[in-house]
């Protein structure tokens, strides 16, 4: 795979371990690179990573909030609902799942440990739209 195009987004975080656990649970991402104060997370579907950079307590974090968010496609509406139930139990569900029709699909918003927003969705068909077949 060539390193061309969009390869990563970097997010400041307070705790690498808390953020790794969050993105593993809600976005099926794993650590693919680690060095002091920084990890790269990938879902192994394309050459794209989230870079988490541990940030000192005295440095402000300006989180991605609902309009500015990361979006992750999941395999079904049931999976959106399952992750929403977990997020509700973990007190990080920002917006319950709703059906918005094409091209938005069935989606919900979850807050990571530092307040960055993750959208989980089914039915957006980004791949099909990009390929010009939807």
Protein backbone atom coordinates (compact mmCIF):
# COMPACT_ATOMS: atom_id res chain seq x y z
CA UNK A 1 0.00 0.00 0.00
CA UNK A 2 1.29 3.42 -0.89
CA UNK A 3 1.24 6.34 1.51
CA UNK A 4 -0.79 8.64 -0.71
CA UNK A 5 -3.76 10.80 0.20
CA UNK A 6 -5.21 11.21 3.66
CA UNK A 7 -3.21 9.02 6.08
CA UNK A 8 -4.09 10.13 9.60
CA UNK A 9 -5.74 12.45 12.05
CA UNK A 10 -3.99 13.36 15.29
CA UNK A 11 -5.88 13.84 18.55
CA UNK A 12 -4.57 15.12 21.86
CA UNK A 13 -5.51 12.86 24.79
CA UNK A 14 -4.88 12.75 28.54
CA UNK A 15 -4.50 8.98 28.83
CA UNK A 16 -3.27 6.81 25.98
CA UNK A 17 -4.56 3.65 27.67
CA UNK A 18 -8.09 5.03 28.22
CA UNK A 19 -8.26 6.23 24.62
CA UNK A 20 -6.89 2.96 23.24
CA UNK A 21 -9.58 1.06 25.16
CA UNK A 22 -12.30 3.42 23.87
CA UNK A 23 -11.32 3.17 20.19
CA UNK A 24 -10.80 -0.59 20.47
CA UNK A 25 -14.33 -1.00 21.85
CA UNK A 26 -16.27 1.48 19.71
CA UNK A 27 -14.24 1.54 16.46
CA UNK A 28 -12.52 -1.90 16.36
CA UNK A 29 -9.10 -0.25 16.20
CA UNK A 30 -5.79 -1.69 17.40
CA UNK A 31 -2.38 -0.20 18.14
CA UNK A 32 -0.11 -0.54 15.10
CA UNK A 33 2.70 1.74 16.33
CA UNK A 34 3.76 2.97 19.74
CA UNK A 35 6.46 5.26 21.03
CA UNK A 36 6.74 7.37 24.17
CA UNK A 37 3.60 9.51 24.47
CA UNK A 38 2.15 8.52 21.09
CA UNK A 39 0.24 5.61 19.56
CA UNK A 40 -1.20 4.95 16.13
CA UNK A 41 -4.54 3.13 15.92
CA UNK A 42 -5.84 1.39 12.80
CA UNK A 43 -8.90 -0.69 11.88
CA UNK A 44 -6.90 -2.48 9.13
CA UNK A 45 -9.41 -1.63 6.38
CA UNK A 46 -7.26 1.04 4.70
CA UNK A 47 -3.92 2.81 5.27
CA UNK A 48 -5.33 5.34 7.74
CA UNK A 49 -4.53 5.81 11.44
CA UNK A 50 -5.68 7.88 14.37
CA UNK A 51 -2.60 9.26 16.08
CA UNK A 52 -3.14 9.73 19.82
CA UNK A 53 -0.76 12.18 21.44
CA UNK A 54 -0.63 12.19 25.24
CA UNK A 55 -1.00 15.80 26.35
CA UNK A 56 0.11 17.27 29.70
CA UNK A 57 -2.57 18.35 32.17
CA UNK A 58 -1.54 22.00 31.87
CA UNK A 59 -2.14 21.99 28.10
CA UNK A 60 -5.75 22.52 27.00
CA UNK A 61 -7.45 19.97 24.77
CA UNK A 62 -9.90 21.36 22.24
CA UNK A 63 -12.00 18.31 21.41
CA UNK A 64 -13.76 17.47 18.19
CA UNK A 65 -17.35 18.19 19.10
CA UNK A 66 -20.46 16.87 17.36
CA UNK A 67 -20.18 18.78 14.10
CA UNK A 68 -16.43 18.05 13.90
CA UNK A 69 -16.25 14.30 14.50
CA UNK A 70 -14.72 11.00 13.47
CA UNK A 71 -17.08 8.66 11.62
CA UNK A 72 -16.95 4.87 11.73
CA UNK A 73 -19.12 2.54 9.69
CA UNK A 74 -20.37 -0.62 11.41
CA UNK A 75 -21.94 -3.76 9.94
CA UNK A 76 -25.59 -3.27 10.92
CA UNK A 77 -28.20 -1.18 12.70
CA UNK A 78 -28.07 -3.83 15.44
CA UNK A 79 -24.36 -3.04 15.94
CA UNK A 80 -25.15 0.67 16.24
CA UNK A 81 -27.75 -0.18 18.89
CA UNK A 82 -25.36 -2.54 20.71
CA UNK A 83 -22.62 0.11 20.88
CA UNK A 84 -25.16 2.73 22.00
CA UNK A 85 -26.23 0.47 24.88
CA UNK A 86 -22.61 0.10 25.97
CA UNK A 87 -22.04 3.85 25.62
CA UNK A 88 -25.16 4.56 27.68
CA UNK A 89 -23.87 2.26 30.43
CA UNK A 90 -20.46 3.98 30.21
CA UNK A 91 -22.13 7.42 30.31
CA UNK A 92 -20.56 8.54 27.05
CA UNK A 93 -23.56 8.40 24.68
CA UNK A 94 -24.04 11.91 23.26
CA UNK A 95 -26.92 11.24 20.87
CA UNK A 96 -29.05 8.13 20.60
CA UNK A 97 -29.31 6.31 17.30
CA UNK A 98 -31.62 7.70 14.68
CA UNK A 99 -32.48 6.90 11.08
CA UNK A 100 -31.84 9.81 8.73
CA UNK A 101 -32.19 7.97 5.41
CA UNK A 102 -29.68 8.03 2.56
CA UNK A 103 -26.95 9.08 2.50
CA UNK A 104 -26.72 9.63 6.27
CA UNK A 105 -28.13 6.28 7.39
CA UNK A 106 -28.60 5.06 10.96
CA UNK A 107 -26.22 6.84 13.28
CA UNK A 108 -25.37 7.87 16.83
CA UNK A 109 -22.75 9.97 18.61
CA UNK A 110 -20.42 8.86 21.39
CA UNK A 111 -17.89 10.91 23.38
CA UNK A 112 -14.37 9.57 23.89
CA UNK A 113 -12.55 10.05 27.22
CA UNK A 114 -11.32 13.53 26.17
CA UNK A 115 -14.59 14.77 24.69
CA UNK A 116 -13.81 14.05 21.01
CA UNK A 117 -16.94 12.90 19.19
CA UNK A 118 -17.18 9.55 17.41
CA UNK A 119 -20.09 8.87 15.07
CA UNK A 120 -21.03 5.24 14.57
CA UNK A 121 -23.20 4.60 11.55
CA UNK A 122 -24.72 2.01 9.26
CA UNK A 123 -25.99 2.72 5.75
CA UNK A 124 -23.92 5.71 4.72
CA UNK A 125 -22.32 3.71 1.88
CA UNK A 126 -19.35 6.06 1.59
CA UNK A 127 -17.37 3.43 -0.31
CA UNK A 128 -20.13 3.04 -2.90
CA UNK A 129 -20.56 6.78 -3.28
CA UNK A 130 -16.81 7.32 -3.72
CA UNK A 131 -16.73 4.49 -6.29
CA UNK A 132 -19.60 6.19 -8.15
CA UNK A 133 -21.97 3.25 -7.89
CA UNK A 134 -24.47 4.68 -5.41
